[in-house]
Amino acid sequence: MGAGMAITGCGSAAPTSVLTNHHLTQMVETSDDWIYTRTGMKNRHIASPMESLSQLSATAAKNAIAMAGISAANIDLIILATSTPDDLFGSACKIQGLIGATNAVAFDLTAACSGFLFALITASQFIRTGAYRNVLVVGADLLSRWVDWTDRASCVLFGDGAGAVVCQRTKNGDRLLSSGMYSDGSDNNSLNLHYQNDDRPLVEDITVQQGTYQPITMNGKEVYRFAVAKVPEAIEKAMFHANLKADDIDWLLLHQANQRIMDAVAKRLNIPQSKILSNIAEYGNTSAASIPLALDAAVRAGKVKPGDTVATSGFGAGLSWGSAIFKWG
């Protein structure tokens, strides 16, 4: 049997400042009841001017490495899934330096809310081919940087955070049982963080673009319809390829975009709501960080135990989505 992959450690980090639904009622016309009944959110953690994505990611990474029982020097590869790096050239190498992973190569991967899942699947390919033995996958976003805080439809949704997992090569059976990635660019305009040009003439007939990115825009109804249709389909495909049924799934771990989406997906899959891993009430939508944040909380609370089968799915801008089924530990 060839090399397989096991997820052996997880970690997370979030800013200390908490923006509550009550705070939001002072900013826009909304209410705690309106937000909670439609999203399942109560709080979201917001990075201060003194906090960075790299620092939060490094904390999450150190926690994951400690749980895996290895040192940072053992890490061969770091993949950072983010849409909000501290540096547009990427932040993975900064994280490498902060944690002292001197033997690792590092790069960023951008796939918005699907980013962590895409990075996890990418890591599995490097491990299965034998290219790397120990891979650190980080999902992190500071979406507060790009929220229009006057838009009541979107500003209630997003928070900041970081999560990480350590993936290791194993010859004791592949614990990533099945996975898949999908995209549909025809619906690209449903969720965006656009670049807006600011033309600057240089010399005759030559003009450059020196603009900036604009706040997040989203068609909430379209994203909801997309998620409740595509996510169950992707997980069903993963279960089929892993030769599993709904009763074989111990936990359903979805991107924490909206509690109603998670409930609808579970119902479609005939998975009891008691098996949904959710921390959306505390963190809101943290994009690429949401899956590892929820996983870390569940593992450290003793809910997810070694050998448990977890079905997971990320979905969001692109539009993109994916699924994976793994055994923890």
Protein backbone atom coordinates (compact mmCIF):
# COMPACT_ATOMS: atom_id res chain seq x y z
CA MET A 1 0.00 0.00 0.00
CA GLY A 2 1.29 3.47 -0.91
CA ALA A 3 1.70 6.43 1.40
CA GLY A 4 -1.43 7.96 2.86
CA MET A 5 -2.26 11.06 4.86
CA ALA A 6 -3.39 11.58 8.43
CA ILE A 7 -4.39 14.82 10.14
CA THR A 8 -2.56 14.64 13.45
CA GLY A 9 -2.87 18.09 14.97
CA CYS A 10 -5.03 21.20 14.88
CA GLY A 11 -4.89 24.69 16.30
CA SER A 12 -6.68 28.02 16.09
CA ALA A 13 -6.48 31.66 17.06
CA ALA A 14 -8.83 34.63 17.02
CA PRO A 15 -8.58 38.31 17.89
CA THR A 16 -9.53 39.33 21.42
CA SER A 17 -11.98 42.07 20.39
CA VAL A 18 -15.54 40.80 20.03
CA LEU A 19 -18.19 42.59 17.97
CA THR A 20 -21.63 41.54 19.21
CA ASN A 21 -25.03 41.78 17.59
CA HIS A 22 -25.81 44.52 20.09
CA HIS A 23 -22.82 46.50 18.83
CA LEU A 24 -24.12 46.17 15.28
CA THR A 25 -27.49 47.63 16.24
CA GLN A 26 -25.60 50.82 17.10
CA MET A 27 -24.02 50.88 13.63
CA VAL A 28 -26.80 49.88 11.23
CA GLU A 29 -30.56 49.34 11.34
CA THR A 30 -30.80 45.76 12.57
CA SER A 31 -31.51 43.74 15.71
CA ASP A 32 -30.06 40.81 17.60
CA ASP A 33 -33.13 38.71 16.79
CA TRP A 34 -32.99 39.56 13.08
CA ILE A 35 -29.32 38.60 12.81
CA TYR A 36 -29.50 35.46 14.92
CA THR A 37 -32.63 33.95 13.37
CA ARG A 38 -31.29 34.44 9.84
CA THR A 39 -27.65 33.51 10.38
CA GLY A 40 -27.13 31.83 13.76
CA MET A 41 -24.53 34.48 14.65
CA LYS A 42 -24.16 36.26 17.97
CA ASN A 43 -20.52 37.43 17.94
CA ARG A 44 -17.60 37.85 15.60
CA HIS A 45 -13.95 38.49 16.52
CA ILE A 46 -12.37 41.57 14.91
CA ALA A 47 -8.65 42.17 14.50
CA SER A 48 -7.31 45.38 16.01
CA PRO A 49 -4.81 47.60 14.16
CA MET A 50 -2.09 45.87 16.20
CA GLU A 51 -3.05 42.35 15.08
CA SER A 52 -2.08 40.76 11.77
CA LEU A 53 -3.10 37.73 9.77
CA SER A 54 0.45 36.39 9.98
CA GLN A 55 0.53 36.61 13.78
CA LEU A 56 -2.83 34.87 14.23
CA SER A 57 -1.81 32.21 11.72
CA ALA A 58 1.48 31.62 13.53
CA THR A 59 -0.34 31.11 16.84
CA ALA A 60 -2.76 28.63 15.25
CA ALA A 61 0.14 26.86 13.55
CA LYS A 62 2.17 26.52 16.76
CA ASN A 63 -0.85 25.01 18.52
CA ALA A 64 -1.38 22.50 15.70
CA ILE A 65 2.30 21.53 15.61
CA ALA A 66 2.32 21.00 19.40
CA MET A 67 -0.72 18.73 19.21
CA ALA A 68 0.91 16.71 16.42
CA GLY A 69 3.90 16.12 18.69
CA ILE A 70 6.54 17.39 16.27
CA SER A 71 8.64 20.53 16.01
CA ALA A 72 8.43 23.37 13.51
CA ALA A 73 11.72 22.18 12.04
CA ASN A 74 9.96 18.96 10.97
CA ILE A 75 7.54 20.85 8.71
CA ASP A 76 8.37 20.40 5.01
CA LEU A 77 5.63 22.52 3.45
CA ILE A 78 3.31 25.32 4.54
CA ILE A 79 0.18 26.14 2.55
CA LEU A 80 -1.68 29.28 3.63
CA ALA A 81 -5.26 29.54 2.39
CA THR A 82 -6.29 33.19 2.55
CA SER A 83 -7.89 35.98 0.55
CA THR A 84 -6.66 38.71 2.91
CA PRO A 85 -2.88 38.40 3.25
CA ASP A 86 -0.88 41.05 5.07
CA ASP A 87 1.17 41.39 1.89
CA LEU A 88 -0.34 41.03 -1.58
CA PHE A 89 2.75 39.02 -2.54
CA GLY A 90 1.73 36.47 0.11
CA SER A 91 2.03 35.82 3.83
CA ALA A 92 2.97 32.12 3.99
CA CYS A 93 6.69 32.85 4.11
CA LYS A 94 6.14 35.35 6.91
CA ILE A 95 4.39 32.62 8.90
CA GLN A 96 7.26 30.24 8.16
CA GLY A 97 9.65 32.73 9.73
CA LEU A 98 7.44 33.43 12.74
CA ILE A 99 7.14 29.77 13.71
CA GLY A 100 10.75 28.83 12.90
CA ALA A 101 9.91 26.27 10.21
CA THR A 102 13.37 26.64 8.71
CA ASN A 103 13.13 23.53 6.52
CA ALA A 104 9.75 24.32 4.95
CA VAL A 105 8.79 25.81 1.62
CA ALA A 106 5.73 28.06 1.90
CA PHE A 107 3.16 29.50 -0.46
CA ASP A 108 -0.30 31.10 -0.45
CA LEU A 109 -3.43 29.61 -2.02
CA THR A 110 -6.45 31.78 -2.77
CA ALA A 111 -9.87 30.18 -3.06
CA ALA A 112 -11.90 32.33 -0.64
CA CYS A 113 -14.21 30.30 1.62
CA SER A 114 -13.23 27.07 -0.15
CA GLY A 115 -9.56 27.84 0.49
CA PHE A 116 -8.86 25.63 3.48
CA LEU A 117 -10.46 22.59 1.88
CA PHE A 118 -8.62 23.19 -1.41
CA ALA A 119 -5.36 23.58 0.53
CA LEU A 120 -6.00 20.37 2.46
CA ILE A 121 -6.56 18.44 -0.77
CA THR A 122 -3.45 20.03 -2.30
CA ALA A 123 -1.44 18.95 0.74
CA SER A 124 -2.66 15.39 0.31
CA GLN A 125 -1.24 15.25 -3.21
CA PHE A 126 2.24 16.27 -2.06
CA ILE A 127 2.10 13.71 0.74
CA ARG A 128 0.77 10.83 -1.33
CA THR A 129 3.42 11.29 -4.01
CA GLY A 130 6.14 11.26 -1.37
CA ALA A 131 7.29 14.81 -2.07
CA TYR A 132 6.71 15.92 1.54
CA ARG A 133 6.16 14.14 4.84
CA ASN A 134 4.82 16.86 7.17
CA VAL A 135 2.60 19.61 5.78
CA LEU A 136 1.11 22.52 7.70
CA VAL A 137 -2.18 23.79 6.25
CA VAL A 138 -3.39 27.15 7.53
CA GLY A 139 -6.73 28.79 6.80
CA ALA A 140 -6.89 32.44 7.85
CA ASP A 141 -8.75 35.59 6.92
CA LEU A 142 -9.24 39.10 8.26
CA LEU A 143 -12.40 39.93 6.37
CA SER A 144 -13.05 42.94 8.61
CA ARG A 145 -10.50 44.74 6.43
CA TRP A 146 -12.85 44.52 3.47
CA VAL A 147 -16.35 44.80 4.93
CA ASP A 148 -18.61 47.75 4.17
CA TRP A 149 -19.64 48.51 7.74
CA THR A 150 -22.60 50.59 6.51
CA ASP A 151 -24.12 47.67 4.58
CA ARG A 152 -26.45 45.90 7.02
CA ALA A 153 -26.91 42.92 4.69
CA SER A 154 -23.21 41.97 4.78
CA CYS A 155 -21.53 43.64 7.77
CA VAL A 156 -23.31 41.32 10.22
CA LEU A 157 -21.77 38.21 8.65
CA PHE A 158 -18.00 38.39 8.76
CA GLY A 159 -15.31 37.96 11.40
CA ASP A 160 -11.58 37.29 11.66
CA GLY A 161 -9.61 34.22 12.68
CA ALA A 162 -7.07 31.55 11.83
CA GLY A 163 -6.98 27.77 12.02
CA ALA A 164 -4.37 25.19 11.14
CA VAL A 165 -3.84 21.45 10.81
CA VAL A 166 -0.76 19.27 10.52
CA CYS A 167 -0.98 16.60 7.83
CA GLN A 168 1.52 13.74 8.01
CA ARG A 169 2.54 10.89 5.78
CA THR A 170 1.47 7.48 7.06
CA LYS A 171 1.75 3.90 5.83
CA ASN A 172 -1.05 2.77 8.15
CA GLY A 173 -3.85 3.49 5.69
CA ASP A 174 -4.94 6.74 4.10
CA ARG A 175 -7.21 8.64 6.47
CA LEU A 176 -8.32 11.10 3.81
CA LEU A 177 -10.98 8.77 2.46
CA SER A 178 -12.32 10.87 -0.40
CA SER A 179 -12.28 14.41 -1.75
CA GLY A 180 -13.37 16.61 -4.64
CA MET A 181 -13.08 20.21 -5.84
CA TYR A 182 -15.47 22.14 -8.11
CA SER A 183 -15.89 25.60 -9.67
CA ASP A 184 -18.54 27.48 -11.63
CA GLY A 185 -17.31 30.81 -12.95
CA SER A 186 -20.65 31.61 -14.59
CA ASP A 187 -21.88 32.75 -11.16
CA ASN A 188 -18.70 34.69 -10.34
CA ASN A 189 -20.56 37.94 -9.69
CA SER A 190 -22.50 36.49 -6.75
CA LEU A 191 -19.68 37.11 -4.27
CA ASN A 192 -16.79 39.47 -4.91
CA LEU A 193 -14.08 41.72 -3.56
CA HIS A 194 -13.46 43.79 -6.67
CA TYR A 195 -10.42 45.80 -7.73
CA GLN A 196 -11.41 49.30 -8.84
CA ASN A 197 -9.19 51.15 -11.29
CA ASP A 198 -7.82 54.61 -10.66
CA ASP A 199 -6.23 55.51 -13.97
CA ARG A 200 -2.95 57.41 -13.87
CA PRO A 201 -1.48 58.75 -17.13
CA LEU A 202 2.28 58.32 -17.31
CA VAL A 203 3.32 59.62 -20.71
CA GLU A 204 1.53 60.05 -24.02
CA ASP A 205 -0.68 57.00 -24.83
CA ILE A 206 0.40 55.09 -21.69
CA THR A 207 -1.86 54.92 -18.65
CA VAL A 208 -1.53 52.61 -15.64
CA GLN A 209 -4.06 51.36 -13.13
CA GLN A 210 -3.33 52.35 -9.54
CA GLY A 211 -6.57 51.71 -7.74
CA THR A 212 -7.53 49.60 -4.73
CA TYR A 213 -9.89 46.83 -3.75
CA GLN A 214 -13.46 47.66 -2.84
CA PRO A 215 -15.56 46.20 0.03
CA ILE A 216 -17.18 42.78 -0.24
CA THR A 217 -20.36 42.57 -2.31
CA MET A 218 -22.67 39.57 -2.17
CA ASN A 219 -25.96 38.32 -3.58
CA GLY A 220 -27.05 36.48 -0.46
CA LYS A 221 -30.01 34.68 -2.02
CA GLU A 222 -27.92 33.32 -4.88
CA VAL A 223 -25.14 32.16 -2.56
CA TYR A 224 -27.69 30.42 -0.33
CA ARG A 225 -29.32 28.63 -3.27
CA PHE A 226 -25.91 27.63 -4.61
CA ALA A 227 -24.75 26.25 -1.27
CA VAL A 228 -27.83 24.18 -0.42
CA ALA A 229 -27.78 22.63 -3.90
CA LYS A 230 -24.09 21.99 -4.50
CA VAL A 231 -22.75 21.14 -1.05
CA PRO A 232 -24.93 18.07 -0.39
CA GLU A 233 -24.20 16.85 -3.92
CA ALA A 234 -20.44 17.17 -3.34
CA ILE A 235 -20.60 15.34 -0.02
CA GLU A 236 -22.77 12.59 -1.52
CA LYS A 237 -20.14 12.08 -4.23
CA ALA A 238 -17.41 11.89 -1.60
CA MET A 239 -19.40 9.36 0.43
CA PHE A 240 -19.99 7.26 -2.68
CA HIS A 241 -16.28 7.17 -3.54
CA ALA A 242 -15.43 6.32 0.07
CA ASN A 243 -18.12 3.60 0.11
CA LEU A 244 -19.86 5.27 3.04
CA LYS A 245 -23.47 6.04 3.96
CA ALA A 246 -24.92 8.86 6.03
CA ASP A 247 -24.99 6.63 9.11
CA ASP A 248 -21.21 6.17 8.81
CA ILE A 249 -20.58 9.90 9.27
CA ASP A 250 -19.82 10.90 12.86
CA TRP A 251 -19.57 14.65 12.24
CA LEU A 252 -20.60 17.13 9.55
CA LEU A 253 -18.13 20.02 9.37
CA LEU A 254 -19.18 22.74 6.95
CA HIS A 255 -17.88 26.20 6.15
CA GLN A 256 -19.50 28.39 8.79
CA ALA A 257 -21.36 30.75 6.45
CA ASN A 258 -24.89 30.50 7.83
CA GLN A 259 -26.52 28.16 10.33
CA ARG A 260 -29.55 27.77 8.07
CA ILE A 261 -27.30 26.54 5.25
CA MET A 262 -25.71 23.99 7.57
CA ASP A 263 -29.10 22.78 8.79
CA ALA A 264 -30.44 22.50 5.22
CA VAL A 265 -27.40 20.51 4.06
CA ALA A 266 -27.67 18.11 7.01
CA LYS A 267 -31.36 17.56 6.30
CA ARG A 268 -30.70 16.82 2.64
CA LEU A 269 -28.03 14.29 3.61
CA ASN A 270 -30.20 12.70 6.33
CA ILE A 271 -27.55 13.53 8.93
CA PRO A 272 -28.95 14.51 12.36
CA GLN A 273 -28.44 18.11 13.41
CA SER A 274 -26.71 16.80 16.53
CA LYS A 275 -23.79 15.80 14.30
CA ILE A 276 -23.24 19.33 12.92
CA LEU A 277 -20.06 20.98 14.22
CA SER A 278 -20.88 24.67 14.58
CA ASN A 279 -19.23 27.63 16.27
CA ILE A 280 -20.83 30.24 14.02
CA ALA A 281 -22.54 31.89 16.99
CA GLU A 282 -19.15 32.95 18.35
CA TYR A 283 -17.08 33.63 15.22
CA GLY A 284 -19.43 34.35 12.31
CA ASN A 285 -18.09 33.72 8.81
CA THR A 286 -14.29 33.67 8.92
CA SER A 287 -13.89 32.44 5.32
CA ALA A 288 -10.89 30.11 4.96
CA ALA A 289 -10.49 29.97 8.75
CA SER A 290 -13.96 28.69 9.55
CA ILE A 291 -13.47 24.93 9.05
CA PRO A 292 -10.21 24.59 11.01
CA LEU A 293 -11.54 26.92 13.74
CA ALA A 294 -14.59 24.70 14.23
CA LEU A 295 -12.53 21.52 14.03
CA ASP A 296 -10.06 22.71 16.65
CA ALA A 297 -12.84 23.69 19.05
CA ALA A 298 -14.53 20.30 18.66
CA VAL A 299 -11.30 18.32 19.09
CA ARG A 300 -10.20 20.24 22.19
CA ALA A 301 -13.70 19.91 23.69
CA GLY A 302 -13.47 16.14 23.28
CA LYS A 303 -16.32 15.90 20.79
CA VAL A 304 -14.24 14.72 17.84
CA LYS A 305 -12.23 11.70 18.92
CA PRO A 306 -9.48 9.69 17.19
CA GLY A 307 -11.01 7.46 14.53
CA ASP A 308 -14.14 9.58 14.07
CA THR A 309 -15.28 10.04 10.47
CA VAL A 310 -15.74 13.69 9.48
CA ALA A 311 -17.48 14.89 6.32
CA THR A 312 -16.51 18.44 5.45
CA SER A 313 -17.27 20.97 2.74
CA GLY A 314 -16.10 24.46 1.89
CA PHE A 315 -17.96 26.77 -0.50
CA GLY A 316 -17.94 30.38 -1.56
CA ALA A 317 -16.57 32.95 -4.00
CA GLY A 318 -15.57 31.84 -7.44
CA LEU A 319 -18.03 30.28 -7.18
CA SER A 320 -16.14 27.31 -5.82
CA TRP A 321 -16.87 24.40 -3.54
CA GLY A 322 -15.42 21.10 -2.47
CA SER A 323 -15.76 18.20 -0.08
CA ALA A 324 -13.59 15.77 1.84
CA ILE A 325 -14.14 12.87 4.19
CA PHE A 326 -11.41 12.02 6.67
CA LYS A 327 -10.83 10.07 9.84
CA TRP A 328 -9.50 12.24 12.61
CA GLY A 329 -6.14 11.41 14.15
